[in-house]
Amino acid sequence: MHTKLLLAGLLAVPVAALGSPALHDFETVAISPDGRHVAAIETLDDGSDSDMPASLMIRDMKGGAVAVPLPCTAGPDCKVDSPAWSTDGRLAFLVSRPQEGAAEIDTVDAEGHAVRRRYLIGADGQASLVRRWAGLEAGSLRSQRLGFRRHYRLQPHQSPPWSSQVEVHWGNLGQAYVTPVAEDEICVAAITRHTGVHFDGILDDIPYLKHALQGAESIGRDRGAVTTISAVPLDDKAATLAATF
């Protein structure tokens, strides 16, 4: 309820203050972590059938507003999307130019001033949005592995876990990582390059680990994913590290 009231207070801007009789539409809205600013993609609806260009605005609690400058002229071939605040009060957003097939991620501070970056790290999974936004989808696949994860509840004679450190075990079919997550619980992740091999097959290939887990109870659901390493082109605009897990 508090969030709704905050949005209403910040975004209910009088028409006269906007200097236009058109309706003011707010699309994507993002609130800064400290609650002092709201970023919104805004358009003016003048009642015609034409699509009005969208702008990205940052508004504060005192009614102030600033239009975020875009690297291109707002219109059908310059679209802004997905504003998101960082914990230190910076705003990142996507600017795409569909006709050119190009997209970039820009960053500004709460006053709308551009923030330069040396690196952009995308660690957001196999279907990485950062990789797509940065135009790195055309990379060539170098390797692919299958990953599995299972949690175990240890028996009293096994608790606490036999090691307080993360263990890495190697076998002919893959690797296994053992991570303590509680006094009586561990997480075992297994990775293989061999198709058709599953978690239990990798475990069977590592006798020491299989013996250590005897009697432990498998809890929760097994998880699986595909991890890849790709070679991607980089230009001189920014260095982008796109990692997938």
C-alpha atoms as a PDB file:
ATOM      1  CA  MET A   1       0.000   0.000   0.000  1.00  0.00           C
ATOM      2  CA  HIS A   2       2.868   2.369   0.824  1.00  0.00           C
ATOM      3  CA  THR A   3       4.336   1.894  -2.653  1.00  0.00           C
ATOM      4  CA  LYS A   4       1.021   2.713  -4.318  1.00  0.00           C
ATOM      5  CA  LEU A   5       0.658   5.905  -2.279  1.00  0.00           C
ATOM      6  CA  LEU A   6       4.225   6.916  -3.079  1.00  0.00           C
ATOM      7  CA  LEU A   7       3.662   6.413  -6.791  1.00  0.00           C
ATOM      8  CA  ALA A   8       0.436   8.362  -6.676  1.00  0.00           C
ATOM      9  CA  GLY A   9       2.140  11.264  -4.945  1.00  0.00           C
ATOM     10  CA  LEU A  10       5.042  11.377  -7.354  1.00  0.00           C
ATOM     11  CA  LEU A  11       3.283  10.696 -10.625  1.00  0.00           C
ATOM     12  CA  ALA A  12       0.029  12.620 -10.216  1.00  0.00           C
ATOM     13  CA  VAL A  13       1.468  15.662 -11.962  1.00  0.00           C
ATOM     14  CA  PRO A  14      -1.013  18.490 -12.748  1.00  0.00           C
ATOM     15  CA  VAL A  15      -1.654  18.889 -16.459  1.00  0.00           C
ATOM     16  CA  ALA A  16      -0.864  22.580 -16.254  1.00  0.00           C
ATOM     17  CA  ALA A  17       2.561  21.808 -14.838  1.00  0.00           C
ATOM     18  CA  LEU A  18       3.313  19.659 -17.849  1.00  0.00           C
ATOM     19  CA  GLY A  19       2.542  22.511 -20.185  1.00  0.00           C
ATOM     20  CA  SER A  20       0.286  20.390 -22.386  1.00  0.00           C
ATOM     21  CA  PRO A  21      -3.408  19.443 -22.399  1.00  0.00           C
ATOM     22  CA  ALA A  22      -2.496  15.941 -23.569  1.00  0.00           C
ATOM     23  CA  LEU A  23      -2.874  12.936 -21.305  1.00  0.00           C
ATOM     24  CA  HIS A  24       0.333  11.896 -19.629  1.00  0.00           C
ATOM     25  CA  ASP A  25       0.889   8.120 -19.745  1.00  0.00           C
ATOM     26  CA  PHE A  26       3.372   6.363 -17.490  1.00  0.00           C
ATOM     27  CA  GLU A  27       4.635   3.025 -18.761  1.00  0.00           C
ATOM     28  CA  THR A  28       7.515   1.258 -17.001  1.00  0.00           C
ATOM     29  CA  VAL A  29       8.159   2.705 -13.528  1.00  0.00           C
ATOM     30  CA  ALA A  30      11.203   2.091 -11.290  1.00  0.00           C
ATOM     31  CA  ILE A  31      11.654   3.424  -7.737  1.00  0.00           C
ATOM     32  CA  SER A  32      15.181   4.182  -6.489  1.00  0.00           C
ATOM     33  CA  PRO A  33      16.403   2.114  -3.513  1.00  0.00           C
ATOM     34  CA  ASP A  34      16.253   5.115  -1.164  1.00  0.00           C
ATOM     35  CA  GLY A  35      12.706   5.940  -2.297  1.00  0.00           C
ATOM     36  CA  ARG A  36      13.631   9.506  -3.268  1.00  0.00           C
ATOM     37  CA  HIS A  37      13.351   9.190  -7.045  1.00  0.00           C
ATOM     38  CA  VAL A  38      11.087   7.517  -9.560  1.00  0.00           C
ATOM     39  CA  ALA A  39      12.141   6.810 -13.114  1.00  0.00           C
ATOM     40  CA  ALA A  40       9.393   6.295 -15.673  1.00  0.00           C
ATOM     41  CA  ILE A  41       9.037   5.888 -19.391  1.00  0.00           C
ATOM     42  CA  GLU A  42       6.446   8.503 -20.302  1.00  0.00           C
ATOM     43  CA  THR A  43       4.424   9.371 -23.380  1.00  0.00           C
ATOM     44  CA  LEU A  44       1.921  12.087 -24.217  1.00  0.00           C
ATOM     45  CA  ASP A  45      -1.428  10.994 -25.634  1.00  0.00           C
ATOM     46  CA  ASP A  46      -2.849  13.858 -27.688  1.00  0.00           C
ATOM     47  CA  GLY A  47      -5.875  11.863 -28.814  1.00  0.00           C
ATOM     48  CA  SER A  48      -4.567  11.200 -32.306  1.00  0.00           C
ATOM     49  CA  ASP A  49      -3.805   7.808 -33.818  1.00  0.00           C
ATOM     50  CA  SER A  50      -0.113   8.582 -34.152  1.00  0.00           C
ATOM     51  CA  ASP A  51       2.381   7.032 -31.734  1.00  0.00           C
ATOM     52  CA  MET A  52       4.068   9.695 -29.650  1.00  0.00           C
ATOM     53  CA  PRO A  53       7.764   9.156 -28.873  1.00  0.00           C
ATOM     54  CA  ALA A  54       8.500   7.994 -25.338  1.00  0.00           C
ATOM     55  CA  SER A  55      10.879   9.788 -22.997  1.00  0.00           C
ATOM     56  CA  LEU A  56      12.622   8.675 -19.828  1.00  0.00           C
ATOM     57  CA  MET A  57      11.970  10.976 -16.872  1.00  0.00           C
ATOM     58  CA  ILE A  58      13.353  11.050 -13.342  1.00  0.00           C
ATOM     59  CA  ARG A  59      11.096  12.673 -10.734  1.00  0.00           C
ATOM     60  CA  ASP A  60      11.884  13.459  -7.097  1.00  0.00           C
ATOM     61  CA  MET A  61       9.776  13.815  -3.957  1.00  0.00           C
ATOM     62  CA  LYS A  62       9.674  17.614  -4.272  1.00  0.00           C
ATOM     63  CA  GLY A  63       8.011  17.528  -7.687  1.00  0.00           C
ATOM     64  CA  GLY A  64      11.168  18.148  -9.665  1.00  0.00           C
ATOM     65  CA  ALA A  65      11.677  16.340 -12.948  1.00  0.00           C
ATOM     66  CA  VAL A  66      14.494  15.857 -15.424  1.00  0.00           C
ATOM     67  CA  ALA A  67      14.400  14.320 -18.885  1.00  0.00           C
ATOM     68  CA  VAL A  68      17.180  11.788 -19.367  1.00  0.00           C
ATOM     69  CA  PRO A  69      19.115  12.566 -22.575  1.00  0.00           C
ATOM     70  CA  LEU A  70      19.140   9.726 -25.094  1.00  0.00           C
ATOM     71  CA  PRO A  71      21.916   8.947 -27.588  1.00  0.00           C
ATOM     72  CA  CYS A  72      19.413   9.222 -30.448  1.00  0.00           C
ATOM     73  CA  THR A  73      16.262  11.173 -31.282  1.00  0.00           C
ATOM     74  CA  ALA A  74      13.235   9.570 -29.613  1.00  0.00           C
ATOM     75  CA  GLY A  75      10.976   7.952 -32.164  1.00  0.00           C
ATOM     76  CA  PRO A  76      10.225   4.631 -33.889  1.00  0.00           C
ATOM     77  CA  ASP A  77      13.942   3.984 -34.409  1.00  0.00           C
ATOM     78  CA  CYS A  78      15.032   5.068 -30.930  1.00  0.00           C
ATOM     79  CA  LYS A  79      13.273   3.277 -28.114  1.00  0.00           C
ATOM     80  CA  VAL A  80      14.009   3.347 -24.400  1.00  0.00           C
ATOM     81  CA  ASP A  81      13.130   0.404 -22.181  1.00  0.00           C
ATOM     82  CA  SER A  82      13.787  -1.450 -18.910  1.00  0.00           C
ATOM     83  CA  PRO A  83      14.927   1.294 -16.481  1.00  0.00           C
ATOM     84  CA  ALA A  84      16.457  -0.192 -13.323  1.00  0.00           C
ATOM     85  CA  TRP A  85      18.181   1.388 -10.321  1.00  0.00           C
ATOM     86  CA  SER A  86      21.437   0.138  -8.816  1.00  0.00           C
ATOM     87  CA  THR A  87      21.989   0.071  -5.064  1.00  0.00           C
ATOM     88  CA  ASP A  88      24.188   3.181  -5.285  1.00  0.00           C
ATOM     89  CA  GLY A  89      21.438   5.267  -6.889  1.00  0.00           C
ATOM     90  CA  ARG A  90      22.361   5.029 -10.562  1.00  0.00           C
ATOM     91  CA  LEU A  91      19.820   4.338 -13.266  1.00  0.00           C
ATOM     92  CA  ALA A  92      20.548   1.909 -16.104  1.00  0.00           C
ATOM     93  CA  PHE A  93      18.284   1.594 -19.141  1.00  0.00           C
ATOM     94  CA  LEU A  94      18.209   0.041 -22.583  1.00  0.00           C
ATOM     95  CA  VAL A  95      18.214   2.125 -25.755  1.00  0.00           C
ATOM     96  CA  SER A  96      17.509   0.225 -28.966  1.00  0.00           C
ATOM     97  CA  ARG A  97      17.513   1.241 -32.615  1.00  0.00           C
ATOM     98  CA  PRO A  98      15.463  -1.468 -34.380  1.00  0.00           C
ATOM     99  CA  GLN A  99      16.210  -0.339 -37.925  1.00  0.00           C
ATOM    100  CA  GLU A 100      19.941  -0.657 -37.274  1.00  0.00           C
ATOM    101  CA  GLY A 101      19.564  -3.836 -35.236  1.00  0.00           C
ATOM    102  CA  ALA A 102      21.576  -2.167 -32.466  1.00  0.00           C
ATOM    103  CA  ALA A 103      21.085  -1.741 -28.724  1.00  0.00           C
ATOM    104  CA  GLU A 104      23.074  -0.355 -25.824  1.00  0.00           C
ATOM    105  CA  ILE A 105      22.799   0.026 -22.062  1.00  0.00           C
ATOM    106  CA  ASP A 106      23.295   3.567 -20.749  1.00  0.00           C
ATOM    107  CA  THR A 107      23.666   4.743 -17.157  1.00  0.00           C
ATOM    108  CA  VAL A 108      22.869   8.074 -15.478  1.00  0.00           C
ATOM    109  CA  ASP A 109      22.817   9.386 -11.929  1.00  0.00           C
ATOM    110  CA  ALA A 110      19.687  10.635 -10.168  1.00  0.00           C
ATOM    111  CA  GLU A 111      20.121  14.067 -11.819  1.00  0.00           C
ATOM    112  CA  GLY A 112      20.213  12.539 -15.296  1.00  0.00           C
ATOM    113  CA  HIS A 113      23.963  13.015 -15.840  1.00  0.00           C
ATOM    114  CA  ALA A 114      25.696  10.305 -17.845  1.00  0.00           C
ATOM    115  CA  VAL A 115      27.839   7.825 -15.919  1.00  0.00           C
ATOM    116  CA  ARG A 116      30.772   6.298 -17.763  1.00  0.00           C
ATOM    117  CA  ARG A 117      31.740   2.664 -17.192  1.00  0.00           C
ATOM    118  CA  ARG A 118      34.778   0.555 -17.998  1.00  0.00           C
ATOM    119  CA  TYR A 119      33.107  -2.821 -17.758  1.00  0.00           C
ATOM    120  CA  LEU A 120      29.603  -4.215 -18.031  1.00  0.00           C
ATOM    121  CA  ILE A 121      29.231  -7.611 -16.392  1.00  0.00           C
ATOM    122  CA  GLY A 122      26.291  -9.794 -17.349  1.00  0.00           C
ATOM    123  CA  ALA A 123      25.974 -12.788 -15.021  1.00  0.00           C
ATOM    124  CA  ASP A 124      22.280 -13.329 -15.636  1.00  0.00           C
ATOM    125  CA  GLY A 125      22.129 -16.852 -16.992  1.00  0.00           C
ATOM    126  CA  GLN A 126      21.885 -18.781 -20.224  1.00  0.00           C
ATOM    127  CA  ALA A 127      19.313 -16.408 -21.757  1.00  0.00           C
ATOM    128  CA  SER A 128      21.346 -13.364 -20.700  1.00  0.00           C
ATOM    129  CA  LEU A 129      19.515 -10.088 -21.309  1.00  0.00           C
ATOM    130  CA  VAL A 130      22.763  -8.173 -20.857  1.00  0.00           C
ATOM    131  CA  ARG A 131      24.422 -10.197 -23.621  1.00  0.00           C
ATOM    132  CA  ARG A 132      21.479  -9.519 -25.941  1.00  0.00           C
ATOM    133  CA  TRP A 133      21.326  -5.802 -25.031  1.00  0.00           C
ATOM    134  CA  ALA A 134      25.062  -5.447 -25.662  1.00  0.00           C
ATOM    135  CA  GLY A 135      24.723  -6.967 -29.135  1.00  0.00           C
ATOM    136  CA  LEU A 136      26.839 -10.031 -28.332  1.00  0.00           C
ATOM    137  CA  GLU A 137      24.351 -12.727 -29.366  1.00  0.00           C
ATOM    138  CA  ALA A 138      26.327 -13.476 -32.525  1.00  0.00           C
ATOM    139  CA  GLY A 139      29.153 -15.170 -30.625  1.00  0.00           C
ATOM    140  CA  SER A 140      30.391 -18.624 -31.636  1.00  0.00           C
ATOM    141  CA  LEU A 141      29.863 -21.542 -29.249  1.00  0.00           C
ATOM    142  CA  ARG A 142      33.122 -22.986 -27.927  1.00  0.00           C
ATOM    143  CA  SER A 143      31.935 -25.530 -25.363  1.00  0.00           C
ATOM    144  CA  GLN A 144      28.792 -26.746 -23.641  1.00  0.00           C
ATOM    145  CA  ARG A 145      28.313 -28.606 -20.385  1.00  0.00           C
ATOM    146  CA  LEU A 146      25.351 -30.074 -18.504  1.00  0.00           C
ATOM    147  CA  GLY A 147      24.980 -29.084 -14.860  1.00  0.00           C
ATOM    148  CA  PHE A 148      22.973 -30.716 -12.047  1.00  0.00           C
ATOM    149  CA  ARG A 149      22.338 -29.789  -8.421  1.00  0.00           C
ATOM    150  CA  ARG A 150      21.036 -31.775  -5.469  1.00  0.00           C
ATOM    151  CA  HIS A 151      20.694 -31.010  -1.742  1.00  0.00           C
ATOM    152  CA  TYR A 152      21.324 -33.617   0.945  1.00  0.00           C
ATOM    153  CA  ARG A 153      20.320 -33.693   4.608  1.00  0.00           C
ATOM    154  CA  LEU A 154      23.092 -35.372   6.576  1.00  0.00           C
ATOM    155  CA  GLN A 155      22.551 -38.019   9.216  1.00  0.00           C
ATOM    156  CA  PRO A 156      23.670 -37.321  12.831  1.00  0.00           C
ATOM    157  CA  HIS A 157      26.930 -39.228  12.344  1.00  0.00           C
ATOM    158  CA  GLN A 158      27.661 -37.106   9.240  1.00  0.00           C
ATOM    159  CA  SER A 159      26.847 -33.743  10.821  1.00  0.00           C
ATOM    160  CA  PRO A 160      28.405 -31.227  10.808  1.00  0.00           C
ATOM    161  CA  PRO A 161      29.659 -31.652   7.200  1.00  0.00           C
ATOM    162  CA  TRP A 162      33.042 -33.364   6.947  1.00  0.00           C
ATOM    163  CA  SER A 163      34.556 -30.139   5.615  1.00  0.00           C
ATOM    164  CA  SER A 164      33.786 -26.460   6.157  1.00  0.00           C
ATOM    165  CA  GLN A 165      35.263 -25.663   2.743  1.00  0.00           C
ATOM    166  CA  VAL A 166      33.934 -26.138  -0.778  1.00  0.00           C
ATOM    167  CA  GLU A 167      35.250 -29.405  -2.205  1.00  0.00           C
ATOM    168  CA  VAL A 168      35.855 -30.160  -5.882  1.00  0.00           C
ATOM    169  CA  HIS A 169      35.976 -33.793  -7.015  1.00  0.00           C
ATOM    170  CA  TRP A 170      37.058 -34.984 -10.457  1.00  0.00           C
ATOM    171  CA  GLY A 171      36.018 -38.147 -12.278  1.00  0.00           C
ATOM    172  CA  ASN A 172      36.208 -39.484 -15.814  1.00  0.00           C
ATOM    173  CA  LEU A 173      32.675 -38.255 -16.556  1.00  0.00           C
ATOM    174  CA  GLY A 174      32.771 -34.841 -14.902  1.00  0.00           C
ATOM    175  CA  GLN A 175      33.250 -32.782 -11.769  1.00  0.00           C
ATOM    176  CA  ALA A 176      31.321 -32.504  -8.491  1.00  0.00           C
ATOM    177  CA  TYR A 177      31.277 -29.528  -6.116  1.00  0.00           C
ATOM    178  CA  VAL A 178      30.277 -30.013  -2.464  1.00  0.00           C
ATOM    179  CA  THR A 179      29.194 -26.880  -0.564  1.00  0.00           C
ATOM    180  CA  PRO A 180      28.085 -26.836   3.111  1.00  0.00           C
ATOM    181  CA  VAL A 181      24.900 -24.754   3.435  1.00  0.00           C
ATOM    182  CA  ALA A 182      23.839 -25.638   7.024  1.00  0.00           C
ATOM    183  CA  GLU A 183      24.930 -27.710   9.992  1.00  0.00           C
ATOM    184  CA  ASP A 184      23.119 -30.725   8.556  1.00  0.00           C
ATOM    185  CA  GLU A 185      22.813 -29.885   4.863  1.00  0.00           C
ATOM    186  CA  ILE A 186      25.092 -29.779   1.840  1.00  0.00           C
ATOM    187  CA  CYS A 187      24.635 -28.913  -1.813  1.00  0.00           C
ATOM    188  CA  VAL A 188      26.245 -31.125  -4.440  1.00  0.00           C
ATOM    189  CA  ALA A 189      26.583 -29.732  -7.965  1.00  0.00           C
ATOM    190  CA  ALA A 190      27.825 -31.919 -10.822  1.00  0.00           C
ATOM    191  CA  ILE A 191      28.962 -30.896 -14.310  1.00  0.00           C
ATOM    192  CA  THR A 192      29.695 -33.050 -17.352  1.00  0.00           C
ATOM    193  CA  ARG A 193      30.459 -32.635 -21.046  1.00  0.00           C
ATOM    194  CA  HIS A 194      28.956 -36.043 -21.842  1.00  0.00           C
ATOM    195  CA  THR A 195      25.387 -36.049 -23.163  1.00  0.00           C
ATOM    196  CA  GLY A 196      23.167 -38.742 -21.694  1.00  0.00           C
ATOM    197  CA  VAL A 197      25.018 -38.680 -18.351  1.00  0.00           C
ATOM    198  CA  HIS A 198      23.006 -37.549 -15.329  1.00  0.00           C
ATOM    199  CA  PHE A 199      23.750 -36.687 -11.709  1.00  0.00           C
ATOM    200  CA  ASP A 200      23.842 -40.258 -10.416  1.00  0.00           C
ATOM    201  CA  GLY A 201      26.119 -41.340 -13.255  1.00  0.00           C
ATOM    202  CA  ILE A 202      28.656 -38.665 -12.341  1.00  0.00           C
ATOM    203  CA  LEU A 203      28.390 -39.645  -8.657  1.00  0.00           C
ATOM    204  CA  ASP A 204      28.960 -43.329  -9.473  1.00  0.00           C
ATOM    205  CA  ASP A 205      32.174 -42.289 -11.219  1.00  0.00           C
ATOM    206  CA  ILE A 206      33.500 -40.639  -8.007  1.00  0.00           C
ATOM    207  CA  PRO A 207      33.575 -43.529  -5.451  1.00  0.00           C
ATOM    208  CA  TYR A 208      34.916 -41.439  -2.539  1.00  0.00           C
ATOM    209  CA  LEU A 209      32.091 -38.936  -2.747  1.00  0.00           C
ATOM    210  CA  LYS A 210      29.447 -41.600  -3.319  1.00  0.00           C
ATOM    211  CA  HIS A 211      30.628 -43.430  -0.183  1.00  0.00           C
ATOM    212  CA  ALA A 212      30.644 -40.204   1.873  1.00  0.00           C
ATOM    213  CA  LEU A 213      27.009 -39.539   0.907  1.00  0.00           C
ATOM    214  CA  GLN A 214      25.723 -42.997   1.884  1.00  0.00           C
ATOM    215  CA  GLY A 215      22.790 -42.597   4.276  1.00  0.00           C
ATOM    216  CA  ALA A 216      22.312 -38.899   3.509  1.00  0.00           C
ATOM    217  CA  GLU A 217      18.755 -37.960   2.515  1.00  0.00           C
ATOM    218  CA  SER A 218      18.114 -36.267  -0.816  1.00  0.00           C
ATOM    219  CA  ILE A 219      15.845 -33.278  -0.194  1.00  0.00           C
ATOM    220  CA  GLY A 220      14.017 -30.953  -2.542  1.00  0.00           C
ATOM    221  CA  ARG A 221      13.995 -31.247  -6.299  1.00  0.00           C
ATOM    222  CA  ASP A 222      17.023 -31.874  -8.464  1.00  0.00           C
ATOM    223  CA  ARG A 223      17.894 -28.932 -10.692  1.00  0.00           C
ATOM    224  CA  GLY A 224      19.565 -28.914 -14.067  1.00  0.00           C
ATOM    225  CA  ALA A 225      20.916 -26.377 -16.534  1.00  0.00           C
ATOM    226  CA  VAL A 226      23.169 -26.006 -19.554  1.00  0.00           C
ATOM    227  CA  THR A 227      26.341 -23.915 -19.229  1.00  0.00           C
ATOM    228  CA  THR A 228      28.158 -22.577 -22.274  1.00  0.00           C
ATOM    229  CA  ILE A 229      31.350 -20.734 -23.135  1.00  0.00           C
ATOM    230  CA  SER A 230      31.189 -18.589 -26.262  1.00  0.00           C
ATOM    231  CA  ALA A 231      33.610 -16.377 -28.152  1.00  0.00           C
ATOM    232  CA  VAL A 232      31.989 -12.962 -28.640  1.00  0.00           C
ATOM    233  CA  PRO A 233      33.043  -9.908 -30.662  1.00  0.00           C
ATOM    234  CA  LEU A 234      34.017  -6.776 -28.729  1.00  0.00           C
ATOM    235  CA  ASP A 235      34.204  -3.225 -30.031  1.00  0.00           C
ATOM    236  CA  ASP A 236      35.766  -0.108 -28.568  1.00  0.00           C
ATOM    237  CA  LYS A 237      32.549   1.137 -26.956  1.00  0.00           C
ATOM    238  CA  ALA A 238      32.811  -0.947 -23.807  1.00  0.00           C
ATOM    239  CA  ALA A 239      34.224  -4.187 -22.540  1.00  0.00           C
ATOM    240  CA  THR A 240      31.414  -6.570 -21.805  1.00  0.00           C
ATOM    241  CA  LEU A 241      31.897  -9.761 -19.844  1.00  0.00           C
ATOM    242  CA  ALA A 242      28.896 -11.985 -20.475  1.00  0.00           C
ATOM    243  CA  ALA A 243      29.003 -14.946 -18.139  1.00  0.00           C
ATOM    244  CA  THR A 244      26.437 -17.722 -18.053  1.00  0.00           C
ATOM    245  CA  PHE A 245      25.871 -20.149 -15.227  1.00  0.00           C
END
